[in-house]
Amino acid sequence: NILDSLRAKKSPVIEPEMDEILSAYGDNLEVTDDIMYAVDAADIVFVLVSSPSNHDGTFSDKNVKNVCEKVSLALTHKQKFMH
C-alpha cells in the first residue's frame, strides 16, 4: 500500500534519493487519504496519485483531475471558515 510505505518512510516508487529524503524528513509528513482533513490541517498539500496511460499510451490526467477537484472543494470549505 502506498500510504503505508510513506508512513514507514519508504518510497512507494523508484525515485532517486527518495528513501533518503523520507528518512531524513519523514517525521514532518502526515500521510492521509482524507482530503478534507489534509487541506484543513495543512499549509502545504502534496497530491500523489497513480497516473495510468490511456489506451493509446498517452498520459491520463483522470486521477489528477479527480483529486484536484476534491482539493478545490476542501479549499473552498476551508476559506469560508478562515474569514
Foldseek 3Di string as FASTA:
>chain_A
DQLVCLLVLHHPDDDPCSSVCSVVCVVVDDGDPPLLVDLLPDPDDDDDDDWDADPVRHTDCVVVVVSVVVNVVSVVVNVVVVD
